[in-house]
Amino acid sequence: MASMRQFDVEADGVDIQSLWRALTKDKIEVLQKAAAGLVSEAKILEGNGIALSSLIYIRLGPAAPGLEPFTERIVEFDEKKHVLTFLGVEGGYMNLGFARYLLTFKLDDFGGGKTMVNASLAYDLKENVDESQLLDGFLKLQRYYLDSVINYLQQKHED
């Protein structure tokens, strides 16, 4: 992987186990509830749920118009360290210019119901691609996804 980008998202009022479960075991259900405008369809194509080697299919909704459906494979799944890594397989941003990408979410417990998500993107691009536009769109989509999940968990906690 030639290049790397990172960003952090703070999850106040969301404990690490709840956020981990929402990003893994409950991902499909949470996606449909937390980010209905973002995802119109999500399903496991291979594997037993969200686990190592699972292949996930996602069709985005009105929040991401014009982006083709895509598949990602889980290539790292560490429940103890709370690390989850997706490899772009086909469709979506792969068709827009990524030759390869790895998207990693690492969760850290800050105590008191506060969790920090470090998102990192390692990538290679195809030739003649506008890197800034592609990366801005991809990272904006990931931040929107994480914010939607965190907001959903915060509201659920308040109920």
C-alpha atoms as a PDB file:
ATOM      1  CA  MET A   1       0.000   0.000   0.000  1.00  0.00           C
ATOM      2  CA  ALA A   2       1.494   3.262  -1.077  1.00  0.00           C
ATOM      3  CA  SER A   3      -0.566   5.864   0.780  1.00  0.00           C
ATOM      4  CA  MET A   4      -2.414   6.274   4.056  1.00  0.00           C
ATOM      5  CA  ARG A   5      -5.091   8.577   5.496  1.00  0.00           C
ATOM      6  CA  GLN A   6      -6.521   8.590   9.017  1.00  0.00           C
ATOM      7  CA  PHE A   7      -9.227  10.270  11.047  1.00  0.00           C
ATOM      8  CA  ASP A   8     -10.658   9.850  14.535  1.00  0.00           C
ATOM      9  CA  VAL A   9     -14.274   9.889  15.673  1.00  0.00           C
ATOM     10  CA  GLU A  10     -15.215  10.327  19.322  1.00  0.00           C
ATOM     11  CA  ALA A  11     -18.183   8.379  20.634  1.00  0.00           C
ATOM     12  CA  ASP A  12     -19.343  10.047  23.847  1.00  0.00           C
ATOM     13  CA  GLY A  13     -21.840   8.017  25.825  1.00  0.00           C
ATOM     14  CA  VAL A  14     -21.125   4.851  23.826  1.00  0.00           C
ATOM     15  CA  ASP A  15     -19.176   2.065  25.484  1.00  0.00           C
ATOM     16  CA  ILE A  16     -16.664   0.096  23.455  1.00  0.00           C
ATOM     17  CA  GLN A  17     -18.622  -3.182  23.541  1.00  0.00           C
ATOM     18  CA  SER A  18     -21.821  -1.564  22.197  1.00  0.00           C
ATOM     19  CA  LEU A  19     -19.933   0.145  19.383  1.00  0.00           C
ATOM     20  CA  TRP A  20     -17.968  -3.007  18.537  1.00  0.00           C
ATOM     21  CA  ARG A  21     -21.194  -5.022  18.368  1.00  0.00           C
ATOM     22  CA  ALA A  22     -22.813  -2.349  16.138  1.00  0.00           C
ATOM     23  CA  LEU A  23     -19.853  -2.454  13.728  1.00  0.00           C
ATOM     24  CA  THR A  24     -19.622  -6.247  13.699  1.00  0.00           C
ATOM     25  CA  LYS A  25     -22.299  -8.686  14.898  1.00  0.00           C
ATOM     26  CA  ASP A  26     -25.200  -6.223  14.474  1.00  0.00           C
ATOM     27  CA  LYS A  27     -23.751  -4.348  11.456  1.00  0.00           C
ATOM     28  CA  ILE A  28     -26.482  -5.178   8.920  1.00  0.00           C
ATOM     29  CA  GLU A  29     -29.331  -4.445  11.346  1.00  0.00           C
ATOM     30  CA  VAL A  30     -27.706  -1.243  12.624  1.00  0.00           C
ATOM     31  CA  LEU A  31     -26.947  -0.056   9.078  1.00  0.00           C
ATOM     32  CA  GLN A  32     -30.614  -0.336   8.169  1.00  0.00           C
ATOM     33  CA  LYS A  33     -31.761   1.495  11.311  1.00  0.00           C
ATOM     34  CA  ALA A  34     -28.984   4.032  11.833  1.00  0.00           C
ATOM     35  CA  ALA A  35     -28.194   4.979   8.258  1.00  0.00           C
ATOM     36  CA  ALA A  36     -31.358   4.279   6.269  1.00  0.00           C
ATOM     37  CA  GLY A  37     -30.506   7.022   3.748  1.00  0.00           C
ATOM     38  CA  LEU A  38     -26.979   5.706   3.378  1.00  0.00           C
ATOM     39  CA  VAL A  39     -27.658   2.021   2.752  1.00  0.00           C
ATOM     40  CA  SER A  40     -30.537   0.589   0.752  1.00  0.00           C
ATOM     41  CA  GLU A  41     -29.297  -3.018   0.871  1.00  0.00           C
ATOM     42  CA  ALA A  42     -26.644  -4.904   2.810  1.00  0.00           C
ATOM     43  CA  LYS A  43     -26.057  -8.633   3.009  1.00  0.00           C
ATOM     44  CA  ILE A  44     -23.444 -11.267   3.704  1.00  0.00           C
ATOM     45  CA  LEU A  45     -22.451 -13.051   0.467  1.00  0.00           C
ATOM     46  CA  GLU A  46     -19.920 -15.426   2.029  1.00  0.00           C
ATOM     47  CA  GLY A  47     -19.211 -16.367   5.612  1.00  0.00           C
ATOM     48  CA  ASN A  48     -21.159 -16.620   8.813  1.00  0.00           C
ATOM     49  CA  GLY A  49     -22.082 -13.057   9.712  1.00  0.00           C
ATOM     50  CA  ILE A  50     -19.510 -10.341  10.202  1.00  0.00           C
ATOM     51  CA  ALA A  51     -16.376 -12.387  10.782  1.00  0.00           C
ATOM     52  CA  LEU A  52     -12.931 -12.983   9.357  1.00  0.00           C
ATOM     53  CA  SER A  53     -13.082 -13.713   5.596  1.00  0.00           C
ATOM     54  CA  SER A  54     -16.769 -12.736   5.243  1.00  0.00           C
ATOM     55  CA  LEU A  55     -17.725 -11.033   1.979  1.00  0.00           C
ATOM     56  CA  ILE A  56     -20.225  -8.198   2.370  1.00  0.00           C
ATOM     57  CA  TYR A  57     -22.377  -6.641  -0.364  1.00  0.00           C
ATOM     58  CA  ILE A  58     -23.608  -3.048   0.084  1.00  0.00           C
ATOM     59  CA  ARG A  59     -25.885  -0.979  -2.141  1.00  0.00           C
ATOM     60  CA  LEU A  60     -25.893   2.638  -1.044  1.00  0.00           C
ATOM     61  CA  GLY A  61     -29.012   4.773  -0.873  1.00  0.00           C
ATOM     62  CA  PRO A  62     -29.894   8.433  -1.514  1.00  0.00           C
ATOM     63  CA  ALA A  63     -27.146   9.752   0.784  1.00  0.00           C
ATOM     64  CA  ALA A  64     -24.584   8.513  -1.766  1.00  0.00           C
ATOM     65  CA  PRO A  65     -26.209   8.929  -5.176  1.00  0.00           C
ATOM     66  CA  GLY A  66     -24.489   7.497  -8.210  1.00  0.00           C
ATOM     67  CA  LEU A  67     -22.183   5.141  -6.343  1.00  0.00           C
ATOM     68  CA  GLU A  68     -22.428   1.572  -7.629  1.00  0.00           C
ATOM     69  CA  PRO A  69     -22.960  -1.321  -5.199  1.00  0.00           C
ATOM     70  CA  PHE A  70     -19.741  -2.772  -3.833  1.00  0.00           C
ATOM     71  CA  THR A  71     -18.296  -5.739  -1.999  1.00  0.00           C
ATOM     72  CA  GLU A  72     -15.737  -5.803   0.775  1.00  0.00           C
ATOM     73  CA  ARG A  73     -14.011  -8.707   2.485  1.00  0.00           C
ATOM     74  CA  ILE A  74     -13.149  -8.718   6.180  1.00  0.00           C
ATOM     75  CA  VAL A  75      -9.416  -9.388   6.381  1.00  0.00           C
ATOM     76  CA  GLU A  76      -8.868  -8.571  10.060  1.00  0.00           C
ATOM     77  CA  PHE A  77     -11.269  -9.238  12.908  1.00  0.00           C
ATOM     78  CA  ASP A  78      -9.743  -8.970  16.382  1.00  0.00           C
ATOM     79  CA  GLU A  79     -12.309  -8.890  19.179  1.00  0.00           C
ATOM     80  CA  LYS A  80      -9.703  -8.459  21.920  1.00  0.00           C
ATOM     81  CA  LYS A  81      -8.002  -5.460  20.312  1.00  0.00           C
ATOM     82  CA  HIS A  82     -11.253  -4.218  18.726  1.00  0.00           C
ATOM     83  CA  VAL A  83      -9.776  -4.009  15.223  1.00  0.00           C
ATOM     84  CA  LEU A  84     -11.810  -4.562  12.065  1.00  0.00           C
ATOM     85  CA  THR A  85     -10.354  -4.266   8.542  1.00  0.00           C
ATOM     86  CA  PHE A  86     -12.179  -4.359   5.211  1.00  0.00           C
ATOM     87  CA  LEU A  87     -10.549  -4.968   1.831  1.00  0.00           C
ATOM     88  CA  GLY A  88     -12.284  -3.406  -1.157  1.00  0.00           C
ATOM     89  CA  VAL A  89     -13.078  -6.190  -3.638  1.00  0.00           C
ATOM     90  CA  GLU A  90     -15.170  -4.716  -6.443  1.00  0.00           C
ATOM     91  CA  GLY A  91     -17.649  -2.016  -7.357  1.00  0.00           C
ATOM     92  CA  GLY A  92     -18.215   1.300  -5.619  1.00  0.00           C
ATOM     93  CA  TYR A  93     -15.021   3.248  -5.069  1.00  0.00           C
ATOM     94  CA  MET A  94     -12.954   0.507  -6.708  1.00  0.00           C
ATOM     95  CA  ASN A  95     -14.617   1.526  -9.989  1.00  0.00           C
ATOM     96  CA  LEU A  96     -13.903   5.195  -9.287  1.00  0.00           C
ATOM     97  CA  GLY A  97     -10.144   4.842  -8.981  1.00  0.00           C
ATOM     98  CA  PHE A  98      -8.893   2.691  -6.133  1.00  0.00           C
ATOM     99  CA  ALA A  99      -6.617  -0.107  -7.304  1.00  0.00           C
ATOM    100  CA  ARG A 100      -6.733  -1.454  -3.735  1.00  0.00           C
ATOM    101  CA  TYR A 101      -7.834  -0.249  -0.326  1.00  0.00           C
ATOM    102  CA  LEU A 102      -7.862  -1.452   3.236  1.00  0.00           C
ATOM    103  CA  LEU A 103     -10.190   0.344   5.647  1.00  0.00           C
ATOM    104  CA  THR A 104      -9.477  -0.284   9.321  1.00  0.00           C
ATOM    105  CA  PHE A 105     -11.520   0.694  12.357  1.00  0.00           C
ATOM    106  CA  LYS A 106      -9.712   0.447  15.698  1.00  0.00           C
ATOM    107  CA  LEU A 107     -11.729   1.140  18.833  1.00  0.00           C
ATOM    108  CA  ASP A 108     -10.173   2.389  22.073  1.00  0.00           C
ATOM    109  CA  ASP A 109     -11.960   2.565  25.413  1.00  0.00           C
ATOM    110  CA  PHE A 110     -11.455   5.928  27.097  1.00  0.00           C
ATOM    111  CA  GLY A 111     -13.603   4.958  30.103  1.00  0.00           C
ATOM    112  CA  GLY A 112     -16.751   6.614  31.360  1.00  0.00           C
ATOM    113  CA  GLY A 113     -18.731   5.431  28.351  1.00  0.00           C
ATOM    114  CA  LYS A 114     -16.421   7.133  25.867  1.00  0.00           C
ATOM    115  CA  THR A 115     -14.922   5.304  22.896  1.00  0.00           C
ATOM    116  CA  MET A 116     -12.525   6.594  20.255  1.00  0.00           C
ATOM    117  CA  VAL A 117     -12.592   5.181  16.736  1.00  0.00           C
ATOM    118  CA  ASN A 118      -9.416   5.495  14.732  1.00  0.00           C
ATOM    119  CA  ALA A 119     -10.237   4.965  11.067  1.00  0.00           C
ATOM    120  CA  SER A 120      -7.362   4.428   8.687  1.00  0.00           C
ATOM    121  CA  LEU A 121      -7.328   3.959   4.958  1.00  0.00           C
ATOM    122  CA  ALA A 122      -4.344   2.354   3.239  1.00  0.00           C
ATOM    123  CA  TYR A 123      -4.650   2.533  -0.533  1.00  0.00           C
ATOM    124  CA  ASP A 124      -3.212   2.448  -4.007  1.00  0.00           C
ATOM    125  CA  LEU A 125      -4.848   4.315  -6.863  1.00  0.00           C
ATOM    126  CA  LYS A 126      -5.216   3.543 -10.523  1.00  0.00           C
ATOM    127  CA  GLU A 127      -3.414   5.868 -12.933  1.00  0.00           C
ATOM    128  CA  ASN A 128      -4.846   9.288 -13.806  1.00  0.00           C
ATOM    129  CA  VAL A 129      -7.208   9.505 -10.831  1.00  0.00           C
ATOM    130  CA  ASP A 130      -8.063  12.748  -9.022  1.00  0.00           C
ATOM    131  CA  GLU A 131      -6.812  11.615  -5.633  1.00  0.00           C
ATOM    132  CA  SER A 132      -8.237  14.454  -3.555  1.00  0.00           C
ATOM    133  CA  GLN A 133     -11.775  14.124  -4.920  1.00  0.00           C
ATOM    134  CA  LEU A 134     -11.790  10.327  -4.586  1.00  0.00           C
ATOM    135  CA  LEU A 135     -10.389  10.369  -1.051  1.00  0.00           C
ATOM    136  CA  ASP A 136     -12.639  13.207   0.101  1.00  0.00           C
ATOM    137  CA  GLY A 137     -15.716  11.310  -1.071  1.00  0.00           C
ATOM    138  CA  PHE A 138     -14.622   7.999   0.409  1.00  0.00           C
ATOM    139  CA  LEU A 139     -13.596   9.417   3.785  1.00  0.00           C
ATOM    140  CA  LYS A 140     -16.725  11.564   3.990  1.00  0.00           C
ATOM    141  CA  LEU A 141     -18.833   8.443   3.448  1.00  0.00           C
ATOM    142  CA  GLN A 142     -16.954   6.537   6.178  1.00  0.00           C
ATOM    143  CA  ARG A 143     -17.299   9.420   8.640  1.00  0.00           C
ATOM    144  CA  TYR A 144     -21.029   9.655   7.838  1.00  0.00           C
ATOM    145  CA  TYR A 145     -21.370   5.914   8.486  1.00  0.00           C
ATOM    146  CA  LEU A 146     -19.550   6.085  11.840  1.00  0.00           C
ATOM    147  CA  ASP A 147     -21.428   9.226  12.927  1.00  0.00           C
ATOM    148  CA  SER A 148     -24.754   7.582  12.025  1.00  0.00           C
ATOM    149  CA  VAL A 149     -23.949   4.459  14.044  1.00  0.00           C
ATOM    150  CA  ILE A 150     -22.733   6.494  17.027  1.00  0.00           C
ATOM    151  CA  ASN A 151     -25.804   8.779  16.944  1.00  0.00           C
ATOM    152  CA  TYR A 152     -28.057   5.716  16.748  1.00  0.00           C
ATOM    153  CA  LEU A 153     -26.358   4.148  19.797  1.00  0.00           C
ATOM    154  CA  GLN A 154     -26.497   7.428  21.728  1.00  0.00           C
ATOM    155  CA  GLN A 155     -30.236   7.793  21.068  1.00  0.00           C
ATOM    156  CA  LYS A 156     -30.835   4.143  21.897  1.00  0.00           C
ATOM    157  CA  HIS A 157     -28.965   4.657  25.199  1.00  0.00           C
ATOM    158  CA  GLU A 158     -31.144   7.691  26.055  1.00  0.00           C
ATOM    159  CA  ASP A 159     -34.387   5.736  25.540  1.00  0.00           C
END
